[in-house]
Protein backbone atom coordinates (compact mmCIF):
# COMPACT_ATOMS: atom_id res chain seq x y z
CA UNK A 1 0.00 0.00 0.00
CA UNK A 2 2.89 2.39 0.54
CA UNK A 3 4.55 1.64 -2.80
CA UNK A 4 7.30 -0.45 -1.25
CA UNK A 5 7.69 -4.06 -2.39
CA UNK A 6 9.55 -5.12 0.76
CA UNK A 7 12.45 -7.05 -0.73
CA UNK A 8 14.22 -8.92 2.04
CA UNK A 9 11.44 -8.39 4.56
CA UNK A 10 9.65 -11.21 6.33
CA UNK A 11 6.07 -12.13 5.46
CA UNK A 12 3.34 -12.21 8.09
CA UNK A 13 0.76 -14.93 8.51
CA UNK A 14 -2.05 -12.61 7.41
CA UNK A 15 -0.10 -11.48 4.33
CA UNK A 16 0.54 -15.09 3.38
CA UNK A 17 -3.20 -15.72 3.58
CA UNK A 18 -3.84 -12.70 1.34
CA UNK A 19 -1.33 -13.90 -1.25
CA UNK A 20 -2.86 -17.39 -1.43
CA UNK A 21 -6.38 -15.97 -1.52
CA UNK A 22 -5.47 -13.60 -4.37
CA UNK A 23 -3.86 -16.44 -6.33
CA UNK A 24 -7.06 -18.46 -5.94
CA UNK A 25 -9.20 -15.56 -7.11
CA UNK A 26 -6.91 -14.85 -10.06
CA UNK A 27 -7.05 -18.51 -11.14
CA UNK A 28 -10.82 -18.62 -10.67
CA UNK A 29 -10.63 -21.34 -8.06
CA UNK A 30 -13.67 -22.15 -6.00
CA UNK A 31 -12.96 -19.83 -3.11
CA UNK A 32 -15.47 -17.51 -1.62
CA UNK A 33 -15.91 -15.09 1.21
CA UNK A 34 -16.94 -16.67 4.46
CA UNK A 35 -19.67 -15.29 6.66
CA UNK A 36 -18.49 -17.27 9.66
CA UNK A 37 -16.92 -15.41 12.54
CA UNK A 38 -13.32 -16.28 13.24
CA UNK A 39 -12.91 -18.04 16.56
CA UNK A 40 -9.35 -16.95 17.27
CA UNK A 41 -8.96 -15.03 20.50
CA UNK A 42 -6.91 -12.44 18.61
CA UNK A 43 -9.21 -12.25 15.57
CA UNK A 44 -9.70 -8.52 16.15
CA UNK A 45 -5.99 -7.98 15.42
CA UNK A 46 -6.33 -9.29 11.85
CA UNK A 47 -6.08 -6.32 9.48
CA UNK A 48 -9.20 -5.40 7.53
CA UNK A 49 -7.46 -6.09 4.21
CA UNK A 50 -6.68 -9.66 5.32
CA UNK A 51 -9.97 -10.58 6.96
CA UNK A 52 -11.69 -12.11 3.90
CA UNK A 53 -8.57 -14.06 3.00
CA UNK A 54 -8.08 -15.51 6.48
CA UNK A 55 -11.76 -16.45 6.76
CA UNK A 56 -11.79 -18.19 3.37
CA UNK A 57 -8.59 -20.13 4.05
CA UNK A 58 -9.82 -21.16 7.50
CA UNK A 59 -13.06 -22.41 5.93
CA UNK A 60 -11.06 -24.48 3.45
CA UNK A 61 -8.88 -25.79 6.28
CA UNK A 62 -5.77 -24.44 4.58
CA UNK A 63 -4.73 -22.25 7.48
CA UNK A 64 -5.20 -22.83 11.17
CA UNK A 65 -4.48 -21.13 14.43
CA UNK A 66 -2.33 -22.22 17.30
CA UNK A 67 -3.21 -24.52 20.18
CA UNK A 68 -3.63 -21.52 22.48
CA UNK A 69 -6.52 -20.27 20.32
CA UNK A 70 -4.58 -17.48 18.63
CA UNK A 71 -3.92 -16.80 14.97
CA UNK A 72 -0.99 -14.39 15.40
CA UNK A 73 -1.72 -12.52 12.16
CA UNK A 74 1.26 -10.18 12.43
CA UNK A 75 3.77 -12.87 13.32
CA UNK A 76 6.17 -13.92 10.61
CA UNK A 77 5.25 -17.12 8.83
CA UNK A 78 7.87 -19.80 9.44
CA UNK A 79 9.38 -21.90 6.67
CA UNK A 80 7.50 -24.93 7.99
CA UNK A 81 4.19 -23.03 8.06
CA UNK A 82 4.76 -21.66 4.56
CA UNK A 83 5.52 -25.13 3.20
CA UNK A 84 2.39 -26.57 4.83
CA UNK A 85 0.20 -23.72 3.57
CA UNK A 86 1.45 -24.12 0.02
CA UNK A 87 0.94 -27.89 0.19
CA UNK A 88 -2.61 -27.49 1.52
CA UNK A 89 -3.34 -24.81 -1.08
CA UNK A 90 -2.20 -27.10 -3.90
CA UNK A 91 -4.19 -30.00 -2.42
CA UNK A 92 -7.36 -27.89 -2.37
CA UNK A 93 -6.79 -26.89 -5.98
CA UNK A 94 -6.22 -30.49 -7.11
CA UNK A 95 -9.11 -31.93 -5.12
CA UNK A 96 -11.51 -29.08 -5.82
CA UNK A 97 -12.48 -28.83 -2.15
């Protein structure tokens, strides 16, 4: 939004959700906005621009929260989390979930 691409910067969990969501929309995958309320105890800290993406990916069971009930939207996504998200995203695309 500020015109900076962010080369070399880490990616947050909510931004990862937005990227995957936008890829799905661009490729006309079956992904839609969710009307369900997020049940994470920190759901109110998810940025407005990421809300639809997080909800949709939670509905598709691509992205999950932590055992403590949080989502940690502004935490950096780990390599392990990124790999799992990409795998789940590809699985949804192949299976047409």
